[in-house]
Amino acid sequence: MTHPEQTRHSTRRMQQRAINQTVLRLIETFGEARYQKGGAEILEIPDAELKQLRDAIERVGKVCVVKGQHDRVITVMHRNQRIPATQHIA
């Protein structure tokens, strides 16, 4: 995932407001844009989408995705027990 180019001003404001890169990436990924005068846009995550994200985060730690060649998803499953890793490269 590429990170958006940032100005020194935005980097300083993020530090002052304790907003980290993860928050920025979430808003970039899931936010909706509202356009402003002068060509700028405001990105924010709508409340309904935010609720869905919170619910998904609660479940994400219990789910595994199995991928094969070319990043193709083979299956998705609930992780009920520890899955041993192997040294074999697919």
PDB file of N, CA and C in Angstrom:
ATOM      1  N   MET A   1       0.852  -1.171   0.000  1.00  0.00           N
ATOM      2  CA  MET A   1       0.000   0.000   0.000  1.00  0.00           C
ATOM      3  C   MET A   1       0.896   1.232   0.000  1.00  0.00           C
ATOM      4  N   THR A   2       0.611   2.162  -0.857  1.00  0.00           N
ATOM      5  CA  THR A   2       1.402   3.382  -0.907  1.00  0.00           C
ATOM      6  C   THR A   2       0.814   4.401   0.059  1.00  0.00           C
ATOM      7  N   HIS A   3       1.676   5.201   0.623  1.00  0.00           N
ATOM      8  CA  HIS A   3       1.248   6.237   1.549  1.00  0.00           C
ATOM      9  C   HIS A   3       1.087   7.542   0.789  1.00  0.00           C
ATOM     10  N   PRO A   4       0.080   8.329   1.168  1.00  0.00           N
ATOM     11  CA  PRO A   4      -0.083   9.615   0.488  1.00  0.00           C
ATOM     12  C   PRO A   4       1.084  10.536   0.821  1.00  0.00           C
ATOM     13  N   GLU A   5       1.430  11.386  -0.110  1.00  0.00           N
ATOM     14  CA  GLU A   5       2.481  12.373   0.142  1.00  0.00           C
ATOM     15  C   GLU A   5       1.957  13.374   1.162  1.00  0.00           C
ATOM     16  N   GLN A   6       2.796  13.716   2.126  1.00  0.00           N
ATOM     17  CA  GLN A   6       2.368  14.624   3.185  1.00  0.00           C
ATOM     18  C   GLN A   6       3.228  15.878   3.205  1.00  0.00           C
ATOM     19  N   THR A   7       2.588  16.967   3.608  1.00  0.00           N
ATOM     20  CA  THR A   7       3.327  18.201   3.815  1.00  0.00           C
ATOM     21  C   THR A   7       3.937  18.184   5.222  1.00  0.00           C
ATOM     22  N   ARG A   8       4.914  19.048   5.439  1.00  0.00           N
ATOM     23  CA  ARG A   8       5.481  19.171   6.792  1.00  0.00           C
ATOM     24  C   ARG A   8       4.401  19.624   7.768  1.00  0.00           C
ATOM     25  N   HIS A   9       3.496  20.476   7.294  1.00  0.00           N
ATOM     26  CA  HIS A   9       2.400  20.956   8.140  1.00  0.00           C
ATOM     27  C   HIS A   9       1.542  19.791   8.622  1.00  0.00           C
ATOM     28  N   SER A  10       1.141  18.903   7.708  1.00  0.00           N
ATOM     29  CA  SER A  10       0.276  17.788   8.103  1.00  0.00           C
ATOM     30  C   SER A  10       1.005  16.835   9.050  1.00  0.00           C
ATOM     31  N   THR A  11       2.296  16.609   8.813  1.00  0.00           N
ATOM     32  CA  THR A  11       3.074  15.735   9.697  1.00  0.00           C
ATOM     33  C   THR A  11       3.141  16.327  11.104  1.00  0.00           C
ATOM     34  N   ARG A  12       3.391  17.637  11.189  1.00  0.00           N
ATOM     35  CA  ARG A  12       3.425  18.310  12.493  1.00  0.00           C
ATOM     36  C   ARG A  12       2.081  18.230  13.203  1.00  0.00           C
ATOM     37  N   ARG A  13       1.002  18.468  12.462  1.00  0.00           N
ATOM     38  CA  ARG A  13      -0.338  18.427  13.067  1.00  0.00           C
ATOM     39  C   ARG A  13      -0.689  17.021  13.557  1.00  0.00           C
ATOM     40  N   MET A  14      -0.291  16.004  12.792  1.00  0.00           N
ATOM     41  CA  MET A  14      -0.543  14.624  13.231  1.00  0.00           C
ATOM     42  C   MET A  14       0.175  14.358  14.551  1.00  0.00           C
ATOM     43  N   GLN A  15       1.407  14.809  14.661  1.00  0.00           N
ATOM     44  CA  GLN A  15       2.159  14.616  15.900  1.00  0.00           C
ATOM     45  C   GLN A  15       1.499  15.363  17.062  1.00  0.00           C
ATOM     46  N   GLN A  16       1.091  16.595  16.838  1.00  0.00           N
ATOM     47  CA  GLN A  16       0.470  17.404  17.883  1.00  0.00           C
ATOM     48  C   GLN A  16      -0.865  16.816  18.343  1.00  0.00           C
ATOM     49  N   ARG A  17      -1.574  16.188  17.420  1.00  0.00           N
ATOM     50  CA  ARG A  17      -2.918  15.688  17.715  1.00  0.00           C
ATOM     51  C   ARG A  17      -2.945  14.184  17.982  1.00  0.00           C
ATOM     52  N   ALA A  18      -1.771  13.566  18.082  1.00  0.00           N
ATOM     53  CA  ALA A  18      -1.638  12.129  18.372  1.00  0.00           C
ATOM     54  C   ALA A  18      -2.430  11.283  17.373  1.00  0.00           C
ATOM     55  N   ILE A  19      -2.291  11.617  16.098  1.00  0.00           N
ATOM     56  CA  ILE A  19      -2.923  10.859  15.019  1.00  0.00           C
ATOM     57  C   ILE A  19      -1.806  10.130  14.292  1.00  0.00           C
ATOM     58  N   ASN A  20      -1.884   8.782  14.247  1.00  0.00           N
ATOM     59  CA  ASN A  20      -0.787   8.022  13.643  1.00  0.00           C
ATOM     60  C   ASN A  20      -1.086   7.626  12.195  1.00  0.00           C
ATOM     61  N   GLN A  21      -0.094   7.009  11.558  1.00  0.00           N
ATOM     62  CA  GLN A  21      -0.213   6.613  10.148  1.00  0.00           C
ATOM     63  C   GLN A  21      -1.323   5.588   9.923  1.00  0.00           C
ATOM     64  N   THR A  22      -1.585   4.735  10.909  1.00  0.00           N
ATOM     65  CA  THR A  22      -2.659   3.746  10.766  1.00  0.00           C
ATOM     66  C   THR A  22      -4.005   4.435  10.610  1.00  0.00           C
ATOM     67  N   VAL A  23      -4.244   5.458  11.406  1.00  0.00           N
ATOM     68  CA  VAL A  23      -5.497   6.227  11.305  1.00  0.00           C
ATOM     69  C   VAL A  23      -5.593   6.887   9.935  1.00  0.00           C
ATOM     70  N   LEU A  24      -4.495   7.469   9.492  1.00  0.00           N
ATOM     71  CA  LEU A  24      -4.478   8.112   8.173  1.00  0.00           C
ATOM     72  C   LEU A  24      -4.801   7.104   7.073  1.00  0.00           C
ATOM     73  N   ARG A  25      -4.190   5.909   7.133  1.00  0.00           N
ATOM     74  CA  ARG A  25      -4.445   4.882   6.110  1.00  0.00           C
ATOM     75  C   ARG A  25      -5.901   4.407   6.142  1.00  0.00           C
ATOM     76  N   LEU A  26      -6.477   4.264   7.336  1.00  0.00           N
ATOM     77  CA  LEU A  26      -7.883   3.860   7.436  1.00  0.00           C
ATOM     78  C   LEU A  26      -8.801   4.895   6.791  1.00  0.00           C
ATOM     79  N   ILE A  27      -8.537   6.154   7.058  1.00  0.00           N
ATOM     80  CA  ILE A  27      -9.371   7.211   6.473  1.00  0.00           C
ATOM     81  C   ILE A  27      -9.171   7.267   4.963  1.00  0.00           C
ATOM     82  N   GLU A  28      -7.938   7.107   4.502  1.00  0.00           N
ATOM     83  CA  GLU A  28      -7.674   7.081   3.056  1.00  0.00           C
ATOM     84  C   GLU A  28      -8.401   5.912   2.389  1.00  0.00           C
ATOM     85  N   THR A  29      -8.452   4.762   3.067  1.00  0.00           N
ATOM     86  CA  THR A  29      -9.051   3.554   2.487  1.00  0.00           C
ATOM     87  C   THR A  29     -10.575   3.560   2.550  1.00  0.00           C
ATOM     88  N   PHE A  30     -11.127   3.933   3.702  1.00  0.00           N
ATOM     89  CA  PHE A  30     -12.570   3.790   3.921  1.00  0.00           C
ATOM     90  C   PHE A  30     -13.335   5.114   3.935  1.00  0.00           C
ATOM     91  N   GLY A  31     -12.637   6.220   3.869  1.00  0.00           N
ATOM     92  CA  GLY A  31     -13.301   7.512   3.965  1.00  0.00           C
ATOM     93  C   GLY A  31     -14.029   7.909   2.695  1.00  0.00           C
ATOM     94  N   GLU A  32     -14.975   8.786   2.870  1.00  0.00           N
ATOM     95  CA  GLU A  32     -15.708   9.362   1.741  1.00  0.00           C
ATOM     96  C   GLU A  32     -15.298  10.825   1.617  1.00  0.00           C
ATOM     97  N   ALA A  33     -15.179  11.287   0.380  1.00  0.00           N
ATOM     98  CA  ALA A  33     -14.694  12.641   0.126  1.00  0.00           C
ATOM     99  C   ALA A  33     -15.839  13.635   0.002  1.00  0.00           C
ATOM    100  N   ARG A  34     -15.615  14.806   0.573  1.00  0.00           N
ATOM    101  CA  ARG A  34     -16.481  15.963   0.352  1.00  0.00           C
ATOM    102  C   ARG A  34     -15.580  17.040  -0.223  1.00  0.00           C
ATOM    103  N   TYR A  35     -15.956  17.577  -1.360  1.00  0.00           N
ATOM    104  CA  TYR A  35     -15.107  18.542  -2.044  1.00  0.00           C
ATOM    105  C   TYR A  35     -15.326  19.943  -1.498  1.00  0.00           C
ATOM    106  N   GLN A  36     -14.253  20.710  -1.437  1.00  0.00           N
ATOM    107  CA  GLN A  36     -14.245  22.060  -0.904  1.00  0.00           C
ATOM    108  C   GLN A  36     -13.888  23.053  -2.008  1.00  0.00           C
ATOM    109  N   LYS A  37     -14.133  24.312  -1.746  1.00  0.00           N
ATOM    110  CA  LYS A  37     -13.716  25.360  -2.672  1.00  0.00           C
ATOM    111  C   LYS A  37     -12.210  25.289  -2.856  1.00  0.00           C
ATOM    112  N   GLY A  38     -11.735  25.628  -4.024  1.00  0.00           N
ATOM    113  CA  GLY A  38     -10.312  25.649  -4.284  1.00  0.00           C
ATOM    114  C   GLY A  38      -9.736  24.303  -4.666  1.00  0.00           C
ATOM    115  N   GLY A  39     -10.578  23.263  -4.777  1.00  0.00           N
ATOM    116  CA  GLY A  39     -10.109  21.963  -5.229  1.00  0.00           C
ATOM    117  C   GLY A  39      -9.698  20.999  -4.138  1.00  0.00           C
ATOM    118  N   ALA A  40      -9.770  21.409  -2.877  1.00  0.00           N
ATOM    119  CA  ALA A  40      -9.424  20.502  -1.777  1.00  0.00           C
ATOM    120  C   ALA A  40     -10.597  19.566  -1.493  1.00  0.00           C
ATOM    121  N   GLU A  41     -10.321  18.522  -0.731  1.00  0.00           N
ATOM    122  CA  GLU A  41     -11.382  17.609  -0.318  1.00  0.00           C
ATOM    123  C   GLU A  41     -11.171  17.215   1.133  1.00  0.00           C
ATOM    124  N   ILE A  42     -12.264  16.927   1.817  1.00  0.00           N
ATOM    125  CA  ILE A  42     -12.226  16.450   3.193  1.00  0.00           C
ATOM    126  C   ILE A  42     -12.632  14.989   3.165  1.00  0.00           C
ATOM    127  N   LEU A  43     -11.797  14.135   3.743  1.00  0.00           N
ATOM    128  CA  LEU A  43     -12.103  12.706   3.839  1.00  0.00           C
ATOM    129  C   LEU A  43     -12.495  12.389   5.271  1.00  0.00           C
ATOM    130  N   GLU A  44     -13.591  11.669   5.429  1.00  0.00           N
ATOM    131  CA  GLU A  44     -13.991  11.188   6.742  1.00  0.00           C
ATOM    132  C   GLU A  44     -14.775   9.894   6.571  1.00  0.00           C
ATOM    133  N   ILE A  45     -14.780   9.089   7.626  1.00  0.00           N
ATOM    134  CA  ILE A  45     -15.509   7.829   7.585  1.00  0.00           C
ATOM    135  C   ILE A  45     -16.897   8.076   8.160  1.00  0.00           C
ATOM    136  N   PRO A  46     -17.954   7.821   7.374  1.00  0.00           N
ATOM    137  CA  PRO A  46     -19.319   8.020   7.868  1.00  0.00           C
ATOM    138  C   PRO A  46     -19.614   7.089   9.053  1.00  0.00           C
ATOM    139  N   ASP A  47     -20.530   7.508   9.919  1.00  0.00           N
ATOM    140  CA  ASP A  47     -20.850   6.742  11.133  1.00  0.00           C
ATOM    141  C   ASP A  47     -21.263   5.299  10.831  1.00  0.00           C
ATOM    142  N   ALA A  48     -22.062   5.089   9.794  1.00  0.00           N
ATOM    143  CA  ALA A  48     -22.513   3.726   9.467  1.00  0.00           C
ATOM    144  C   ALA A  48     -21.320   2.848   9.071  1.00  0.00           C
ATOM    145  N   GLU A  49     -20.418   3.401   8.283  1.00  0.00           N
ATOM    146  CA  GLU A  49     -19.219   2.659   7.878  1.00  0.00           C
ATOM    147  C   GLU A  49     -18.315   2.407   9.082  1.00  0.00           C
ATOM    148  N   LEU A  50     -18.236   3.378   9.981  1.00  0.00           N
ATOM    149  CA  LEU A  50     -17.415   3.236  11.177  1.00  0.00           C
ATOM    150  C   LEU A  50     -17.924   2.092  12.055  1.00  0.00           C
ATOM    151  N   LYS A  51     -19.235   1.952  12.167  1.00  0.00           N
ATOM    152  CA  LYS A  51     -19.805   0.850  12.942  1.00  0.00           C
ATOM    153  C   LYS A  51     -19.435  -0.494  12.308  1.00  0.00           C
ATOM    154  N   GLN A  52     -19.519  -0.587  10.988  1.00  0.00           N
ATOM    155  CA  GLN A  52     -19.141  -1.821  10.303  1.00  0.00           C
ATOM    156  C   GLN A  52     -17.664  -2.135  10.509  1.00  0.00           C
ATOM    157  N   LEU A  53     -16.811  -1.122  10.481  1.00  0.00           N
ATOM    158  CA  LEU A  53     -15.377  -1.326  10.710  1.00  0.00           C
ATOM    159  C   LEU A  53     -15.112  -1.822  12.130  1.00  0.00           C
ATOM    160  N   ARG A  54     -15.788  -1.241  13.101  1.00  0.00           N
ATOM    161  CA  ARG A  54     -15.612  -1.687  14.495  1.00  0.00           C
ATOM    162  C   ARG A  54     -16.025  -3.157  14.645  1.00  0.00           C
ATOM    163  N   ASP A  55     -17.147  -3.523  14.063  1.00  0.00           N
ATOM    164  CA  ASP A  55     -17.606  -4.912  14.119  1.00  0.00           C
ATOM    165  C   ASP A  55     -16.607  -5.848  13.450  1.00  0.00           C
ATOM    166  N   ALA A  56     -16.067  -5.437  12.311  1.00  0.00           N
ATOM    167  CA  ALA A  56     -15.102  -6.258  11.582  1.00  0.00           C
ATOM    168  C   ALA A  56     -13.810  -6.431  12.380  1.00  0.00           C
ATOM    169  N   ILE A  57     -13.367  -5.387  13.044  1.00  0.00           N
ATOM    170  CA  ILE A  57     -12.137  -5.454  13.837  1.00  0.00           C
ATOM    171  C   ILE A  57     -12.308  -6.441  14.992  1.00  0.00           C
ATOM    172  N   GLU A  58     -13.494  -6.508  15.559  1.00  0.00           N
ATOM    173  CA  GLU A  58     -13.758  -7.471  16.628  1.00  0.00           C
ATOM    174  C   GLU A  58     -13.592  -8.908  16.138  1.00  0.00           C
ATOM    175  N   ARG A  59     -13.909  -9.161  14.873  1.00  0.00           N
ATOM    176  CA  ARG A  59     -13.861 -10.526  14.327  1.00  0.00           C
ATOM    177  C   ARG A  59     -12.546 -10.868  13.646  1.00  0.00           C
ATOM    178  N   VAL A  60     -11.780  -9.887  13.223  1.00  0.00           N
ATOM    179  CA  VAL A  60     -10.632 -10.128  12.357  1.00  0.00           C
ATOM    180  C   VAL A  60      -9.556 -11.005  13.003  1.00  0.00           C
ATOM    181  N   GLY A  61      -9.395 -10.946  14.300  1.00  0.00           N
ATOM    182  CA  GLY A  61      -8.379 -11.744  14.965  1.00  0.00           C
ATOM    183  C   GLY A  61      -8.698 -13.223  14.999  1.00  0.00           C
ATOM    184  N   LYS A  62      -9.915 -13.584  14.673  1.00  0.00           N
ATOM    185  CA  LYS A  62     -10.340 -14.978  14.730  1.00  0.00           C
ATOM    186  C   LYS A  62     -10.515 -15.591  13.345  1.00  0.00           C
ATOM    187  N   VAL A  63     -10.055 -14.902  12.317  1.00  0.00           N
ATOM    188  CA  VAL A  63     -10.248 -15.357  10.945  1.00  0.00           C
ATOM    189  C   VAL A  63      -8.896 -15.496  10.251  1.00  0.00           C
ATOM    190  N   CYS A  64      -8.766 -16.532   9.425  1.00  0.00           N
ATOM    191  CA  CYS A  64      -7.567 -16.751   8.609  1.00  0.00           C
ATOM    192  C   CYS A  64      -7.959 -16.738   7.139  1.00  0.00           C
ATOM    193  N   VAL A  65      -7.045 -16.246   6.324  1.00  0.00           N
ATOM    194  CA  VAL A  65      -7.204 -16.293   4.875  1.00  0.00           C
ATOM    195  C   VAL A  65      -6.073 -17.157   4.344  1.00  0.00           C
ATOM    196  N   VAL A  66      -6.415 -18.163   3.541  1.00  0.00           N
ATOM    197  CA  VAL A  66      -5.416 -19.035   2.932  1.00  0.00           C
ATOM    198  C   VAL A  66      -5.266 -18.610   1.481  1.00  0.00           C
ATOM    199  N   LYS A  67      -4.019 -18.255   1.104  1.00  0.00           N
ATOM    200  CA  LYS A  67      -3.742 -17.793  -0.251  1.00  0.00           C
ATOM    201  C   LYS A  67      -2.819 -18.770  -0.959  1.00  0.00           C
ATOM    202  N   GLY A  68      -2.986 -18.852  -2.263  1.00  0.00           N
ATOM    203  CA  GLY A  68      -2.127 -19.673  -3.095  1.00  0.00           C
ATOM    204  C   GLY A  68      -1.295 -18.814  -4.014  1.00  0.00           C
ATOM    205  N   GLN A  69      -0.959 -19.388  -5.137  1.00  0.00           N
ATOM    206  CA  GLN A  69      -0.150 -18.670  -6.104  1.00  0.00           C
ATOM    207  C   GLN A  69      -0.883 -17.433  -6.624  1.00  0.00           C
ATOM    208  N   HIS A  70      -0.106 -16.425  -6.971  1.00  0.00           N
ATOM    209  CA  HIS A  70      -0.617 -15.167  -7.534  1.00  0.00           C
ATOM    210  C   HIS A  70      -1.567 -14.458  -6.578  1.00  0.00           C
ATOM    211  N   ASP A  71      -1.372 -14.655  -5.263  1.00  0.00           N
ATOM    212  CA  ASP A  71      -2.212 -14.029  -4.229  1.00  0.00           C
ATOM    213  C   ASP A  71      -3.686 -14.369  -4.350  1.00  0.00           C
ATOM    214  N   ARG A  72      -3.986 -15.503  -4.920  1.00  0.00           N
ATOM    215  CA  ARG A  72      -5.381 -15.931  -5.087  1.00  0.00           C
ATOM    216  C   ARG A  72      -5.887 -16.534  -3.784  1.00  0.00           C
ATOM    217  N   VAL A  73      -7.041 -16.073  -3.296  1.00  0.00           N
ATOM    218  CA  VAL A  73      -7.607 -16.578  -2.048  1.00  0.00           C
ATOM    219  C   VAL A  73      -8.202 -17.965  -2.294  1.00  0.00           C
ATOM    220  N   ILE A  74      -7.688 -18.941  -1.553  1.00  0.00           N
ATOM    221  CA  ILE A  74      -8.164 -20.317  -1.680  1.00  0.00           C
ATOM    222  C   ILE A  74      -9.364 -20.542  -0.771  1.00  0.00           C
ATOM    223  N   THR A  75      -9.244 -20.119   0.493  1.00  0.00           N
ATOM    224  CA  THR A  75     -10.356 -20.257   1.430  1.00  0.00           C
ATOM    225  C   THR A  75     -10.210 -19.246   2.555  1.00  0.00           C
ATOM    226  N   VAL A  76     -11.285 -19.087   3.295  1.00  0.00           N
ATOM    227  CA  VAL A  76     -11.324 -18.230   4.474  1.00  0.00           C
ATOM    228  C   VAL A  76     -11.966 -19.058   5.572  1.00  0.00           C
ATOM    229  N   MET A  77     -11.390 -18.997   6.790  1.00  0.00           N
ATOM    230  CA  MET A  77     -11.924 -19.855   7.854  1.00  0.00           C
ATOM    231  C   MET A  77     -11.779 -19.192   9.220  1.00  0.00           C
ATOM    232  N   HIS A  78     -12.560 -19.702  10.174  1.00  0.00           N
ATOM    233  CA  HIS A  78     -12.405 -19.292  11.562  1.00  0.00           C
ATOM    234  C   HIS A  78     -11.217 -20.029  12.138  1.00  0.00           C
ATOM    235  N   ARG A  79     -10.408 -19.321  12.901  1.00  0.00           N
ATOM    236  CA  ARG A  79      -9.227 -19.922  13.498  1.00  0.00           C
ATOM    237  C   ARG A  79      -9.600 -20.410  14.896  1.00  0.00           C
ATOM    238  N   ASN A  80      -9.961 -21.692  15.001  1.00  0.00           N
ATOM    239  CA  ASN A  80     -10.367 -22.271  16.272  1.00  0.00           C
ATOM    240  C   ASN A  80      -9.179 -22.802  17.061  1.00  0.00           C
ATOM    241  N   GLN A  81      -8.114 -23.118  16.385  1.00  0.00           N
ATOM    242  CA  GLN A  81      -6.915 -23.612  17.046  1.00  0.00           C
ATOM    243  C   GLN A  81      -5.692 -23.100  16.309  1.00  0.00           C
ATOM    244  N   ARG A  82      -4.543 -23.217  16.926  1.00  0.00           N
ATOM    245  CA  ARG A  82      -3.301 -22.750  16.324  1.00  0.00           C
ATOM    246  C   ARG A  82      -2.999 -23.563  15.076  1.00  0.00           C
ATOM    247  N   ILE A  83      -2.623 -22.880  14.011  1.00  0.00           N
ATOM    248  CA  ILE A  83      -2.279 -23.538  12.748  1.00  0.00           C
ATOM    249  C   ILE A  83      -0.760 -23.538  12.638  1.00  0.00           C
ATOM    250  N   PRO A  84      -0.138 -24.734  12.590  1.00  0.00           N
ATOM    251  CA  PRO A  84       1.327 -24.757  12.529  1.00  0.00           C
ATOM    252  C   PRO A  84       1.841 -24.218  11.199  1.00  0.00           C
ATOM    253  N   ALA A  85       2.907 -23.440  11.296  1.00  0.00           N
ATOM    254  CA  ALA A  85       3.539 -22.906  10.088  1.00  0.00           C
ATOM    255  C   ALA A  85       4.548 -23.929   9.574  1.00  0.00           C
ATOM    256  N   THR A  86       4.775 -23.929   8.273  1.00  0.00           N
ATOM    257  CA  THR A  86       5.784 -24.807   7.698  1.00  0.00           C
ATOM    258  C   THR A  86       6.821 -23.959   6.985  1.00  0.00           C
ATOM    259  N   GLN A  87       7.932 -24.552   6.668  1.00  0.00           N
ATOM    260  CA  GLN A  87       9.004 -23.849   5.969  1.00  0.00           C
ATOM    261  C   GLN A  87       8.810 -23.922   4.460  1.00  0.00           C
ATOM    262  N   HIS A  88       7.855 -24.695   4.011  1.00  0.00           N
ATOM    263  CA  HIS A  88       7.603 -24.862   2.582  1.00  0.00           C
ATOM    264  C   HIS A  88       7.084 -23.571   1.992  1.00  0.00           C
ATOM    265  N   ILE A  89       7.627 -23.178   0.879  1.00  0.00           N
ATOM    266  CA  ILE A  89       7.162 -21.968   0.190  1.00  0.00           C
ATOM    267  C   ILE A  89       6.252 -22.380  -0.950  1.00  0.00           C
ATOM    268  N   ALA A  90       5.029 -21.875  -0.935  1.00  0.00           N
ATOM    269  CA  ALA A  90       4.045 -22.261  -1.945  1.00  0.00           C
ATOM    270  C   ALA A  90       4.371 -21.651  -3.288  1.00  0.00           C
TER     271      ALA A  90
END
